[in-house]
C-alpha atoms as a PDB file:
ATOM      1  CA  MET A   1       0.000   0.000   0.000  1.00  0.00           C
ATOM      2  CA  ASN A   2       1.506   3.356  -0.957  1.00  0.00           C
ATOM      3  CA  ASN A   3       1.014   6.823   0.524  1.00  0.00           C
ATOM      4  CA  THR A   4      -0.557   8.547  -2.465  1.00  0.00           C
ATOM      5  CA  THR A   5      -3.872  10.301  -2.896  1.00  0.00           C
ATOM      6  CA  THR A   6      -5.266  11.531  -6.192  1.00  0.00           C
ATOM      7  CA  SER A   7      -5.362  15.151  -4.972  1.00  0.00           C
ATOM      8  CA  ALA A   8      -1.745  15.243  -3.765  1.00  0.00           C
ATOM      9  CA  ARG A   9       1.140  16.630  -5.767  1.00  0.00           C
ATOM     10  CA  VAL A  10       2.678  14.071  -8.073  1.00  0.00           C
ATOM     11  CA  ASP A  11       6.359  14.007  -7.131  1.00  0.00           C
ATOM     12  CA  LEU A  12       8.376  12.463  -9.954  1.00  0.00           C
ATOM     13  CA  ARG A  13      11.688  14.093  -9.006  1.00  0.00           C
ATOM     14  CA  SER A  14      13.319  11.020  -7.487  1.00  0.00           C
ATOM     15  CA  ASP A  15      12.656   7.792  -5.599  1.00  0.00           C
ATOM     16  CA  THR A  16      14.389   9.417  -2.622  1.00  0.00           C
ATOM     17  CA  VAL A  17      11.284  11.506  -1.792  1.00  0.00           C
ATOM     18  CA  THR A  18       9.225   8.598  -0.457  1.00  0.00           C
ATOM     19  CA  ARG A  19       7.718   8.516   3.023  1.00  0.00           C
ATOM     20  CA  PRO A  20       7.686   5.407   5.231  1.00  0.00           C
ATOM     21  CA  THR A  21       4.612   3.250   4.776  1.00  0.00           C
ATOM     22  CA  ALA A  22       2.400   2.384   7.733  1.00  0.00           C
ATOM     23  CA  GLY A  23       4.030  -1.029   8.020  1.00  0.00           C
ATOM     24  CA  MET A  24       7.503   0.482   7.956  1.00  0.00           C
ATOM     25  CA  ARG A  25       6.563   3.023  10.630  1.00  0.00           C
ATOM     26  CA  GLU A  26       5.281   0.207  12.817  1.00  0.00           C
ATOM     27  CA  ALA A  27       8.511  -1.737  12.334  1.00  0.00           C
ATOM     28  CA  MET A  28      10.500   1.341  13.341  1.00  0.00           C
ATOM     29  CA  THR A  29       8.333   1.846  16.424  1.00  0.00           C
ATOM     30  CA  GLN A  30       8.865  -1.738  17.554  1.00  0.00           C
ATOM     31  CA  ALA A  31      12.609  -1.860  16.802  1.00  0.00           C
ATOM     32  CA  LEU A  32      14.989  -3.105  19.460  1.00  0.00           C
ATOM     33  CA  VAL A  33      17.928  -0.705  19.748  1.00  0.00           C
ATOM     34  CA  GLY A  34      21.317  -0.406  21.381  1.00  0.00           C
ATOM     35  CA  ASP A  35      24.570   1.478  20.867  1.00  0.00           C
ATOM     36  CA  ASP A  36      25.865   0.500  17.431  1.00  0.00           C
ATOM     37  CA  VAL A  37      29.310   2.013  18.124  1.00  0.00           C
ATOM     38  CA  TYR A  38      29.658  -0.785  20.662  1.00  0.00           C
ATOM     39  CA  GLY A  39      28.142  -3.204  18.159  1.00  0.00           C
ATOM     40  CA  ASP A  40      25.163  -4.007  20.370  1.00  0.00           C
ATOM     41  CA  ASP A  41      22.238  -2.606  18.401  1.00  0.00           C
ATOM     42  CA  PRO A  42      20.267  -5.795  17.626  1.00  0.00           C
ATOM     43  CA  SER A  43      18.294  -4.251  14.756  1.00  0.00           C
ATOM     44  CA  VAL A  44      21.464  -3.035  13.033  1.00  0.00           C
ATOM     45  CA  ASN A  45      23.125  -6.405  13.501  1.00  0.00           C
ATOM     46  CA  GLU A  46      20.066  -8.192  12.126  1.00  0.00           C
ATOM     47  CA  LEU A  47      19.985  -5.917   9.065  1.00  0.00           C
ATOM     48  CA  GLN A  48      23.683  -6.413   8.376  1.00  0.00           C
ATOM     49  CA  GLU A  49      23.340 -10.188   8.559  1.00  0.00           C
ATOM     50  CA  LYS A  50      20.222 -10.117   6.386  1.00  0.00           C
ATOM     51  CA  VAL A  51      21.609  -7.963   3.595  1.00  0.00           C
ATOM     52  CA  ALA A  52      24.947  -9.819   3.547  1.00  0.00           C
ATOM     53  CA  LYS A  53      23.133 -13.143   3.128  1.00  0.00           C
ATOM     54  CA  MET A  54      20.710 -11.707   0.578  1.00  0.00           C
ATOM     55  CA  LEU A  55      23.566 -10.389  -1.569  1.00  0.00           C
ATOM     56  CA  GLY A  56      25.802 -13.426  -1.067  1.00  0.00           C
ATOM     57  CA  PHE A  57      28.597 -11.903   1.028  1.00  0.00           C
ATOM     58  CA  GLU A  58      30.243 -12.770   4.331  1.00  0.00           C
ATOM     59  CA  ALA A  59      29.488  -9.453   6.008  1.00  0.00           C
ATOM     60  CA  ALA A  60      27.835  -6.060   5.644  1.00  0.00           C
ATOM     61  CA  LEU A  61      28.038  -2.655   7.307  1.00  0.00           C
ATOM     62  CA  PHE A  62      25.147  -0.211   7.756  1.00  0.00           C
ATOM     63  CA  MET A  63      26.028   3.248   6.432  1.00  0.00           C
ATOM     64  CA  SER A  64      24.359   6.641   6.720  1.00  0.00           C
ATOM     65  CA  THR A  65      24.384   7.274   2.962  1.00  0.00           C
ATOM     66  CA  GLY A  66      25.365   5.751  -0.358  1.00  0.00           C
ATOM     67  CA  THR A  67      28.110   8.362  -0.707  1.00  0.00           C
ATOM     68  CA  GLN A  68      29.619   7.246   2.600  1.00  0.00           C
ATOM     69  CA  SER A  69      29.249   3.614   1.557  1.00  0.00           C
ATOM     70  CA  ASN A  70      31.026   4.105  -1.776  1.00  0.00           C
ATOM     71  CA  LEU A  71      33.749   6.183  -0.117  1.00  0.00           C
ATOM     72  CA  CYS A  72      34.481   3.536   2.520  1.00  0.00           C
ATOM     73  CA  GLY A  73      34.325   0.844  -0.154  1.00  0.00           C
ATOM     74  CA  ILE A  74      36.848   2.506  -2.455  1.00  0.00           C
ATOM     75  CA  LEU A  75      39.207   3.381   0.402  1.00  0.00           C
ATOM     76  CA  SER A  76      38.997  -0.178   1.771  1.00  0.00           C
ATOM     77  CA  HIS A  77      40.236  -1.479  -1.576  1.00  0.00           C
ATOM     78  CA  CYS A  78      42.817   1.227  -2.267  1.00  0.00           C
ATOM     79  CA  GLN A  79      45.815   2.791  -0.538  1.00  0.00           C
ATOM     80  CA  ARG A  80      47.122   6.332  -0.924  1.00  0.00           C
ATOM     81  CA  GLY A  81      48.537   6.695  -4.432  1.00  0.00           C
ATOM     82  CA  ASP A  82      46.372   3.921  -5.890  1.00  0.00           C
ATOM     83  CA  GLU A  83      43.912   4.426  -8.724  1.00  0.00           C
ATOM     84  CA  TYR A  84      40.370   3.283  -9.451  1.00  0.00           C
ATOM     85  CA  ILE A  85      38.902   3.090 -12.954  1.00  0.00           C
ATOM     86  CA  VAL A  86      35.326   4.342 -13.181  1.00  0.00           C
ATOM     87  CA  GLY A  87      32.778   5.739 -15.623  1.00  0.00           C
ATOM     88  CA  GLN A  88      32.945   9.423 -16.521  1.00  0.00           C
ATOM     89  CA  MET A  89      29.289   9.818 -15.531  1.00  0.00           C
ATOM     90  CA  ALA A  90      29.323   7.358 -12.633  1.00  0.00           C
ATOM     91  CA  HIS A  91      27.853   8.639  -9.383  1.00  0.00           C
ATOM     92  CA  CYS A  92      30.838   7.643  -7.224  1.00  0.00           C
ATOM     93  CA  TYR A  93      33.121   9.710  -9.462  1.00  0.00           C
ATOM     94  CA  ARG A  94      31.059  12.669 -10.605  1.00  0.00           C
ATOM     95  CA  TRP A  95      28.488  13.370  -7.884  1.00  0.00           C
ATOM     96  CA  GLU A  96      30.128  12.412  -4.606  1.00  0.00           C
ATOM     97  CA  GLY A  97      32.393  15.408  -4.089  1.00  0.00           C
ATOM     98  CA  GLY A  98      35.601  13.674  -5.173  1.00  0.00           C
ATOM     99  CA  GLY A  99      35.736  11.995  -1.771  1.00  0.00           C
ATOM    100  CA  ALA A 100      38.178   9.225  -2.658  1.00  0.00           C
ATOM    101  CA  ALA A 101      40.706  11.776  -3.942  1.00  0.00           C
ATOM    102  CA  VAL A 102      40.063  14.344  -1.204  1.00  0.00           C
ATOM    103  CA  PHE A 103      40.018  12.025   1.814  1.00  0.00           C
ATOM    104  CA  GLY A 104      42.016   9.038   0.593  1.00  0.00           C
ATOM    105  CA  SER A 105      44.483  10.383  -1.996  1.00  0.00           C
ATOM    106  CA  VAL A 106      43.122   7.769  -4.387  1.00  0.00           C
ATOM    107  CA  GLN A 107      43.220   8.843  -8.025  1.00  0.00           C
ATOM    108  CA  PRO A 108      40.143   8.290 -10.179  1.00  0.00           C
ATOM    109  CA  GLN A 109      40.661   7.359 -13.827  1.00  0.00           C
ATOM    110  CA  PRO A 110      37.320   8.119 -15.506  1.00  0.00           C
ATOM    111  CA  LEU A 111      36.449   6.489 -18.821  1.00  0.00           C
ATOM    112  CA  THR A 112      33.677   7.237 -21.291  1.00  0.00           C
ATOM    113  CA  GLN A 113      30.706   4.969 -20.711  1.00  0.00           C
ATOM    114  CA  GLN A 114      28.693   3.247 -23.385  1.00  0.00           C
ATOM    115  CA  ALA A 115      24.994   4.030 -23.815  1.00  0.00           C
ATOM    116  CA  ASP A 116      24.045   1.297 -21.330  1.00  0.00           C
ATOM    117  CA  GLY A 117      26.529   2.486 -18.698  1.00  0.00           C
ATOM    118  CA  SER A 118      29.138  -0.196 -19.357  1.00  0.00           C
ATOM    119  CA  LEU A 119      32.858   0.356 -19.836  1.00  0.00           C
ATOM    120  CA  LEU A 120      34.468  -1.283 -22.851  1.00  0.00           C
ATOM    121  CA  LEU A 121      36.977  -3.862 -21.694  1.00  0.00           C
ATOM    122  CA  GLN A 122      39.491  -2.641 -24.265  1.00  0.00           C
ATOM    123  CA  ASP A 123      39.167   0.874 -22.828  1.00  0.00           C
ATOM    124  CA  ILE A 124      39.764  -0.464 -19.335  1.00  0.00           C
ATOM    125  CA  GLU A 125      42.784  -2.448 -20.499  1.00  0.00           C
ATOM    126  CA  ALA A 126      44.260   0.616 -22.171  1.00  0.00           C
ATOM    127  CA  ALA A 127      43.786   2.644 -18.970  1.00  0.00           C
ATOM    128  CA  ILE A 128      45.469   0.156 -16.620  1.00  0.00           C
ATOM    129  CA  LYS A 129      48.810   1.625 -15.616  1.00  0.00           C
ATOM    130  CA  PRO A 130      52.051  -0.352 -15.894  1.00  0.00           C
ATOM    131  CA  ASP A 131      53.871  -1.298 -12.695  1.00  0.00           C
ATOM    132  CA  ASP A 132      56.131   1.733 -12.767  1.00  0.00           C
ATOM    133  CA  ALA A 133      56.940   4.418 -10.194  1.00  0.00           C
ATOM    134  CA  HIS A 134      55.791   7.116 -12.630  1.00  0.00           C
ATOM    135  CA  PHE A 135      52.175   6.001 -12.342  1.00  0.00           C
ATOM    136  CA  ALA A 136      49.492   5.543  -9.786  1.00  0.00           C
ATOM    137  CA  LYS A 137      48.843   1.848  -9.147  1.00  0.00           C
ATOM    138  CA  THR A 138      45.634   0.636 -10.774  1.00  0.00           C
ATOM    139  CA  THR A 139      43.866  -1.327  -8.065  1.00  0.00           C
ATOM    140  CA  LEU A 140      40.103  -1.189  -8.504  1.00  0.00           C
ATOM    141  CA  LEU A 141      37.375  -1.222 -11.161  1.00  0.00           C
ATOM    142  CA  CYS A 142      33.991   0.357 -10.373  1.00  0.00           C
ATOM    143  CA  LEU A 143      30.634  -0.061 -12.094  1.00  0.00           C
ATOM    144  CA  GLU A 144      27.153   1.284 -11.390  1.00  0.00           C
ATOM    145  CA  ASN A 145      23.928  -0.727 -11.806  1.00  0.00           C
ATOM    146  CA  THR A 146      21.404   0.600 -12.574  1.00  0.00           C
ATOM    147  CA  TRP A 147      22.947   3.595 -14.312  1.00  0.00           C
ATOM    148  CA  GLY A 148      20.456   6.267 -15.327  1.00  0.00           C
ATOM    149  CA  GLY A 149      17.798   3.601 -14.897  1.00  0.00           C
ATOM    150  CA  LYS A 150      19.552   1.242 -17.318  1.00  0.00           C
ATOM    151  CA  VAL A 151      20.440  -2.319 -16.382  1.00  0.00           C
ATOM    152  CA  LEU A 152      23.920  -3.634 -17.134  1.00  0.00           C
ATOM    153  CA  PRO A 153      23.475  -6.944 -19.003  1.00  0.00           C
ATOM    154  CA  GLN A 154      24.361 -10.031 -16.958  1.00  0.00           C
ATOM    155  CA  SER A 155      26.526 -11.294 -19.825  1.00  0.00           C
ATOM    156  CA  TYR A 156      28.586  -8.102 -19.630  1.00  0.00           C
ATOM    157  CA  LEU A 157      28.933  -8.383 -15.845  1.00  0.00           C
ATOM    158  CA  ASN A 158      30.205 -11.943 -16.186  1.00  0.00           C
ATOM    159  CA  GLU A 159      32.744 -10.888 -18.810  1.00  0.00           C
ATOM    160  CA  PHE A 160      33.784  -7.840 -16.775  1.00  0.00           C
ATOM    161  CA  SER A 161      34.295  -9.990 -13.678  1.00  0.00           C
ATOM    162  CA  SER A 162      36.486 -12.513 -15.484  1.00  0.00           C
ATOM    163  CA  PHE A 163      38.530  -9.717 -17.028  1.00  0.00           C
ATOM    164  CA  ALA A 164      39.102  -8.032 -13.658  1.00  0.00           C
ATOM    165  CA  LYS A 165      40.246 -11.299 -12.082  1.00  0.00           C
ATOM    166  CA  GLN A 166      42.676 -11.896 -14.938  1.00  0.00           C
ATOM    167  CA  LYS A 167      44.143  -8.432 -14.365  1.00  0.00           C
ATOM    168  CA  GLY A 168      44.299  -8.874 -10.588  1.00  0.00           C
ATOM    169  CA  LEU A 169      41.960  -5.937  -9.964  1.00  0.00           C
ATOM    170  CA  ALA A 170      39.293  -5.612  -7.281  1.00  0.00           C
ATOM    171  CA  ARG A 171      35.673  -5.033  -8.347  1.00  0.00           C
ATOM    172  CA  HIS A 172      33.249  -2.630  -6.647  1.00  0.00           C
ATOM    173  CA  LEU A 173      29.607  -2.059  -7.567  1.00  0.00           C
ATOM    174  CA  ASP A 174      27.701   1.096  -6.788  1.00  0.00           C
ATOM    175  CA  GLY A 175      24.372  -0.685  -6.558  1.00  0.00           C
ATOM    176  CA  ALA A 176      22.317   2.208  -5.242  1.00  0.00           C
ATOM    177  CA  ARG A 177      19.405   0.848  -7.293  1.00  0.00           C
ATOM    178  CA  LEU A 178      20.661  -2.733  -7.370  1.00  0.00           C
ATOM    179  CA  PHE A 179      17.244  -4.195  -6.607  1.00  0.00           C
ATOM    180  CA  ASN A 180      15.714  -2.293  -9.526  1.00  0.00           C
ATOM    181  CA  ALA A 181      18.248  -4.012 -11.764  1.00  0.00           C
ATOM    182  CA  ALA A 182      17.434  -7.369 -10.197  1.00  0.00           C
ATOM    183  CA  ALA A 183      13.678  -6.804 -10.530  1.00  0.00           C
ATOM    184  CA  ALA A 184      14.005  -5.896 -14.212  1.00  0.00           C
ATOM    185  CA  GLN A 185      16.197  -8.933 -14.843  1.00  0.00           C
ATOM    186  CA  ALA A 186      13.731 -11.167 -13.003  1.00  0.00           C
ATOM    187  CA  ALA A 187      10.772  -9.832 -14.994  1.00  0.00           C
ATOM    188  CA  ALA A 188      12.573 -10.557 -18.250  1.00  0.00           C
ATOM    189  CA  LEU A 189      13.568 -14.082 -17.224  1.00  0.00           C
ATOM    190  CA  GLY A 190      10.539 -15.084 -15.171  1.00  0.00           C
ATOM    191  CA  THR A 191      12.668 -15.579 -12.072  1.00  0.00           C
ATOM    192  CA  SER A 192      12.865 -13.968  -8.618  1.00  0.00           C
ATOM    193  CA  ALA A 193      14.474 -10.607  -7.913  1.00  0.00           C
ATOM    194  CA  TYR A 194      16.056 -12.175  -4.838  1.00  0.00           C
ATOM    195  CA  ASP A 195      17.750 -14.754  -7.080  1.00  0.00           C
ATOM    196  CA  GLU A 196      18.804 -12.251  -9.715  1.00  0.00           C
ATOM    197  CA  VAL A 197      20.401  -9.934  -7.177  1.00  0.00           C
ATOM    198  CA  LYS A 198      22.908 -12.671  -6.327  1.00  0.00           C
ATOM    199  CA  ASN A 199      23.639 -13.257 -10.015  1.00  0.00           C
ATOM    200  CA  ILE A 200      24.639  -9.610 -10.203  1.00  0.00           C
ATOM    201  CA  THR A 201      26.575  -9.357  -6.951  1.00  0.00           C
ATOM    202  CA  GLN A 202      28.629 -12.520  -7.470  1.00  0.00           C
ATOM    203  CA  CYS A 203      30.523 -10.543 -10.098  1.00  0.00           C
ATOM    204  CA  PHE A 204      31.956  -8.155  -7.471  1.00  0.00           C
ATOM    205  CA  ASP A 205      34.190  -8.125  -4.414  1.00  0.00           C
ATOM    206  CA  SER A 206      32.124  -5.382  -2.781  1.00  0.00           C
ATOM    207  CA  VAL A 207      28.696  -3.896  -3.316  1.00  0.00           C
ATOM    208  CA  SER A 208      26.992  -0.777  -1.985  1.00  0.00           C
ATOM    209  CA  VAL A 209      23.196  -0.857  -1.922  1.00  0.00           C
ATOM    210  CA  CYS A 210      20.849   1.980  -0.974  1.00  0.00           C
ATOM    211  CA  PHE A 211      17.704   1.589   1.119  1.00  0.00           C
ATOM    212  CA  SER A 212      16.347   5.134   0.628  1.00  0.00           C
ATOM    213  CA  LYS A 213      15.843   5.037  -3.141  1.00  0.00           C
ATOM    214  CA  GLY A 214      13.529   2.471  -4.715  1.00  0.00           C
ATOM    215  CA  LEU A 215      13.174   0.521  -1.481  1.00  0.00           C
ATOM    216  CA  GLY A 216      11.550   3.480   0.278  1.00  0.00           C
ATOM    217  CA  ALA A 217      13.380   3.613   3.623  1.00  0.00           C
ATOM    218  CA  PRO A 218      14.026   7.051   5.208  1.00  0.00           C
ATOM    219  CA  MET A 219      17.812   6.734   5.016  1.00  0.00           C
ATOM    220  CA  GLY A 220      20.752   4.374   4.873  1.00  0.00           C
ATOM    221  CA  SER A 221      22.870   2.133   2.689  1.00  0.00           C
ATOM    222  CA  ALA A 222      24.867  -1.022   3.248  1.00  0.00           C
ATOM    223  CA  LEU A 223      28.349  -1.973   2.114  1.00  0.00           C
ATOM    224  CA  CYS A 224      28.865  -5.707   1.585  1.00  0.00           C
ATOM    225  CA  GLY A 225      32.056  -7.729   1.234  1.00  0.00           C
ATOM    226  CA  SER A 226      34.318 -10.196   2.993  1.00  0.00           C
ATOM    227  CA  LYS A 227      34.736 -10.057   6.757  1.00  0.00           C
ATOM    228  CA  GLU A 228      38.251  -8.660   6.350  1.00  0.00           C
ATOM    229  CA  PHE A 229      37.043  -6.014   3.919  1.00  0.00           C
ATOM    230  CA  ILE A 230      34.160  -4.926   6.168  1.00  0.00           C
ATOM    231  CA  ALA A 231      36.548  -4.672   9.134  1.00  0.00           C
ATOM    232  CA  LYS A 232      38.568  -2.124   7.147  1.00  0.00           C
ATOM    233  CA  ALA A 233      35.397  -0.301   6.130  1.00  0.00           C
ATOM    234  CA  HIS A 234      34.238  -0.174   9.756  1.00  0.00           C
ATOM    235  CA  ARG A 235      37.368   1.756  10.752  1.00  0.00           C
ATOM    236  CA  LEU A 236      36.929   4.104   7.799  1.00  0.00           C
ATOM    237  CA  ARG A 237      33.264   4.660   8.635  1.00  0.00           C
ATOM    238  CA  LYS A 238      34.300   5.814  12.089  1.00  0.00           C
ATOM    239  CA  MET A 239      36.809   8.275  10.581  1.00  0.00           C
ATOM    240  CA  ALA A 240      34.083   9.562   8.253  1.00  0.00           C
ATOM    241  CA  GLY A 241      31.799  10.339  11.200  1.00  0.00           C
ATOM    242  CA  GLY A 242      29.581   7.349  10.549  1.00  0.00           C
ATOM    243  CA  GLY A 243      29.584   5.832  14.029  1.00  0.00           C
ATOM    244  CA  LEU A 244      25.897   5.806  14.969  1.00  0.00           C
ATOM    245  CA  ARG A 245      24.270   5.126  18.325  1.00  0.00           C
ATOM    246  CA  GLN A 246      20.659   3.886  18.438  1.00  0.00           C
ATOM    247  CA  ALA A 247      20.554   3.374  14.685  1.00  0.00           C
ATOM    248  CA  GLY A 248      18.191   0.431  15.021  1.00  0.00           C
ATOM    249  CA  PHE A 249      15.137   2.545  14.224  1.00  0.00           C
ATOM    250  CA  MET A 250      16.562   3.255  10.754  1.00  0.00           C
ATOM    251  CA  ALA A 251      17.888  -0.282  10.372  1.00  0.00           C
ATOM    252  CA  ALA A 252      14.409  -1.645  11.096  1.00  0.00           C
ATOM    253  CA  ALA A 253      13.018   0.486   8.253  1.00  0.00           C
ATOM    254  CA  ALA A 254      15.678  -0.857   5.880  1.00  0.00           C
ATOM    255  CA  SER A 255      15.035  -4.429   6.993  1.00  0.00           C
ATOM    256  CA  TYR A 256      11.301  -3.968   6.431  1.00  0.00           C
ATOM    257  CA  ALA A 257      12.040  -2.625   2.941  1.00  0.00           C
ATOM    258  CA  LEU A 258      14.104  -5.694   2.074  1.00  0.00           C
ATOM    259  CA  ASP A 259      11.254  -7.954   3.175  1.00  0.00           C
ATOM    260  CA  HIS A 260       8.326  -6.035   1.657  1.00  0.00           C
ATOM    261  CA  HIS A 261       9.439  -3.590  -1.034  1.00  0.00           C
ATOM    262  CA  VAL A 262      11.680  -5.598  -3.352  1.00  0.00           C
ATOM    263  CA  THR A 263       8.983  -7.515  -5.209  1.00  0.00           C
ATOM    264  CA  ARG A 264       6.855  -4.377  -5.648  1.00  0.00           C
ATOM    265  CA  LEU A 265       9.603  -2.606  -7.653  1.00  0.00           C
ATOM    266  CA  GLU A 266       8.161  -4.124 -10.816  1.00  0.00           C
ATOM    267  CA  GLN A 267       5.076  -1.948 -10.236  1.00  0.00           C
ATOM    268  CA  ASP A 268       7.284   1.151 -10.476  1.00  0.00           C
ATOM    269  CA  HIS A 269       8.796  -0.172 -13.693  1.00  0.00           C
ATOM    270  CA  GLN A 270       5.367  -0.817 -15.195  1.00  0.00           C
ATOM    271  CA  LEU A 271       4.194   2.669 -14.226  1.00  0.00           C
ATOM    272  CA  MET A 272       7.242   4.165 -15.906  1.00  0.00           C
ATOM    273  CA  SER A 273       6.517   2.209 -19.071  1.00  0.00           C
ATOM    274  CA  HIS A 274       2.982   3.583 -18.921  1.00  0.00           C
ATOM    275  CA  LEU A 275       4.338   7.128 -18.604  1.00  0.00           C
ATOM    276  CA  ALA A 276       6.670   6.649 -21.562  1.00  0.00           C
ATOM    277  CA  GLN A 277       3.864   5.261 -23.695  1.00  0.00           C
ATOM    278  CA  GLY A 278       1.640   8.168 -22.700  1.00  0.00           C
ATOM    279  CA  LEU A 279       4.228  10.695 -23.858  1.00  0.00           C
ATOM    280  CA  ALA A 280       5.101   8.868 -27.081  1.00  0.00           C
ATOM    281  CA  GLY A 281       4.355  10.733 -30.265  1.00  0.00           C
ATOM    282  CA  ILE A 282       4.368  14.254 -28.806  1.00  0.00           C
ATOM    283  CA  PRO A 283       6.271  16.467 -31.283  1.00  0.00           C
ATOM    284  CA  GLY A 284       9.506  17.786 -29.784  1.00  0.00           C
ATOM    285  CA  LEU A 285       9.864  15.039 -27.186  1.00  0.00           C
ATOM    286  CA  GLN A 286      12.589  12.459 -27.679  1.00  0.00           C
ATOM    287  CA  ILE A 287      12.070   9.597 -25.245  1.00  0.00           C
ATOM    288  CA  GLU A 288      14.479   6.902 -24.121  1.00  0.00           C
ATOM    289  CA  THR A 289      12.633   3.641 -23.586  1.00  0.00           C
ATOM    290  CA  PRO A 290      12.785   3.043 -19.819  1.00  0.00           C
ATOM    291  CA  GLN A 291      14.124  -0.225 -18.445  1.00  0.00           C
ATOM    292  CA  THR A 292      13.305   0.427 -14.798  1.00  0.00           C
ATOM    293  CA  ASN A 293      11.801   3.377 -12.895  1.00  0.00           C
ATOM    294  CA  ILE A 294      13.672   6.266 -14.548  1.00  0.00           C
ATOM    295  CA  LEU A 295      12.723   8.027 -17.770  1.00  0.00           C
ATOM    296  CA  PHE A 296      14.783  10.648 -19.597  1.00  0.00           C
ATOM    297  CA  VAL A 297      13.090  12.938 -22.087  1.00  0.00           C
ATOM    298  CA  ASP A 298      14.939  15.368 -24.364  1.00  0.00           C
ATOM    299  CA  LEU A 299      13.324  18.483 -25.790  1.00  0.00           C
ATOM    300  CA  VAL A 300      14.335  18.824 -29.444  1.00  0.00           C
ATOM    301  CA  GLY A 301      13.614  21.242 -32.250  1.00  0.00           C
ATOM    302  CA  ASP A 302      11.191  24.053 -31.443  1.00  0.00           C
ATOM    303  CA  ALA A 303      10.288  22.401 -28.136  1.00  0.00           C
ATOM    304  CA  LYS A 304      13.797  22.937 -26.767  1.00  0.00           C
ATOM    305  CA  ALA A 305      13.128  26.630 -26.153  1.00  0.00           C
ATOM    306  CA  ARG A 306      10.047  25.768 -24.094  1.00  0.00           C
ATOM    307  CA  GLY A 307      11.848  23.888 -21.342  1.00  0.00           C
ATOM    308  CA  VAL A 308      11.500  26.578 -18.678  1.00  0.00           C
ATOM    309  CA  ALA A 309       7.843  27.152 -19.510  1.00  0.00           C
ATOM    310  CA  LEU A 310       7.120  23.409 -19.401  1.00  0.00           C
ATOM    311  CA  GLN A 311       8.717  23.039 -15.990  1.00  0.00           C
ATOM    312  CA  ALA A 312       6.726  26.007 -14.653  1.00  0.00           C
ATOM    313  CA  HIS A 313       3.522  24.592 -16.136  1.00  0.00           C
ATOM    314  CA  LEU A 314       4.109  21.214 -14.529  1.00  0.00           C
ATOM    315  CA  LYS A 315       4.823  22.775 -11.156  1.00  0.00           C
ATOM    316  CA  ASN A 316       1.717  24.938 -11.369  1.00  0.00           C
ATOM    317  CA  GLU A 317      -0.350  21.836 -12.149  1.00  0.00           C
ATOM    318  CA  GLY A 318       1.030  19.906  -9.182  1.00  0.00           C
ATOM    319  CA  ILE A 319       3.638  17.812 -11.020  1.00  0.00           C
ATOM    320  CA  ASP A 320       7.211  17.861  -9.680  1.00  0.00           C
ATOM    321  CA  MET A 321      10.128  16.621 -11.788  1.00  0.00           C
ATOM    322  CA  ASN A 322      13.811  17.288 -12.439  1.00  0.00           C
ATOM    323  CA  GLY A 323      15.542  18.762 -15.423  1.00  0.00           C
ATOM    324  CA  LEU A 324      15.392  21.554 -17.943  1.00  0.00           C
ATOM    325  CA  TYR A 325      16.431  20.543 -21.467  1.00  0.00           C
ATOM    326  CA  ARG A 326      16.808  16.916 -20.411  1.00  0.00           C
ATOM    327  CA  LEU A 327      13.846  15.988 -18.290  1.00  0.00           C
ATOM    328  CA  ARG A 328      13.987  13.168 -15.747  1.00  0.00           C
ATOM    329  CA  PHE A 329      10.976  11.411 -14.277  1.00  0.00           C
ATOM    330  CA  VAL A 330      11.169   8.742 -11.555  1.00  0.00           C
ATOM    331  CA  THR A 331       8.381   6.468 -10.305  1.00  0.00           C
ATOM    332  CA  HIS A 332       8.323   5.068  -6.769  1.00  0.00           C
ATOM    333  CA  LEU A 333       6.003   3.752  -4.059  1.00  0.00           C
ATOM    334  CA  ASP A 334       4.416   7.183  -3.500  1.00  0.00           C
ATOM    335  CA  VAL A 335       3.290   7.458  -7.145  1.00  0.00           C
ATOM    336  CA  ASP A 336       0.247   5.600  -8.460  1.00  0.00           C
ATOM    337  CA  ARG A 337      -1.449   5.127 -11.857  1.00  0.00           C
ATOM    338  CA  ALA A 338      -3.704   8.134 -11.299  1.00  0.00           C
ATOM    339  CA  GLY A 339      -0.697  10.363 -10.637  1.00  0.00           C
ATOM    340  CA  VAL A 340       1.092   9.167 -13.761  1.00  0.00           C
ATOM    341  CA  ASP A 341      -2.049   9.744 -15.817  1.00  0.00           C
ATOM    342  CA  ARG A 342      -2.219  13.302 -14.444  1.00  0.00           C
ATOM    343  CA  ALA A 343       1.377  13.902 -15.515  1.00  0.00           C
ATOM    344  CA  ILE A 344       0.671  12.565 -19.009  1.00  0.00           C
ATOM    345  CA  ALA A 345      -2.425  14.739 -19.365  1.00  0.00           C
ATOM    346  CA  VAL A 346      -0.648  17.900 -18.182  1.00  0.00           C
ATOM    347  CA  ILE A 347       2.285  17.402 -20.543  1.00  0.00           C
ATOM    348  CA  ARG A 348       0.079  16.590 -23.528  1.00  0.00           C
ATOM    349  CA  GLN A 349      -2.044  19.640 -22.744  1.00  0.00           C
ATOM    350  CA  PHE A 350       1.065  21.857 -22.692  1.00  0.00           C
ATOM    351  CA  PHE A 351       2.130  20.650 -26.146  1.00  0.00           C
ATOM    352  CA  GLY A 352      -1.417  20.563 -27.504  1.00  0.00           C
ATOM    353  CA  ALA A 353      -1.019  16.891 -28.290  1.00  0.00           C
END
């Protein structure tokens, strides 16, 4: 059950704007808590065990944010003077304040991504530095899945993983929307999202997953890896100000999301397909076919000059979204079919379509 009403604003800005459901609020109210700095918050410990098992790792660590999780992950793999190879438009390189370089003296080597978010293996190979004192030491490869709502193909992940092992490089996944990728994969194959998530994560040495995006929790991410790796990350989390006390209330929300909100992600994907279909054929709108819960729309031709007016019109009509010349819409558990239909009607009205 979501939180929407037909008269409310339709917030399509991001899946981070969700509010806890009634069931999640109840789980938070009933959570057993302790001091997590001492390691005795039972709800945090339960979450960490649950997500580690769900993703197929030995251990996990609850983090305040995905940015903190990626930072601790990269710095757990790399030493000062090392290098990680990453996509030019990857979140952990472009939108996380340069944390690895600023706090860890770890050099990023960004590469141009393909349309699906992948990095060509030949481009990675060309970017790996020789073992020479003139160069930073290439240590880590990073991918993001989903990327802009697009799912990295499992065949590519398998090939990427084998390549990294051959080169002796560690593999980290920014899986902020990992379960969206798993849900899309499961829908295509007729399998379970819980099974597909392990098919994805087995290609990596560490994975960061966010609870406050598609899964609808108020905050938090988890970093997963080996016990030794998570022990390193735990020390780094403390340095980064991530030692939390009675964090069990937030951990209970994340645990509830893992139990109740994974299988419903397909509803968000279907709603986004409905939105894309509703906008199809409008002159001046160039639409990328959505794979998950994110849709990008470009204004082209004469419509390009109307970007500001369109955004103002949408806001005035109770529709919130992100973007100007490249519009982004995101569906989530606080958006229903009626809200998407309102957005379609408002946009078609604006363009007279």
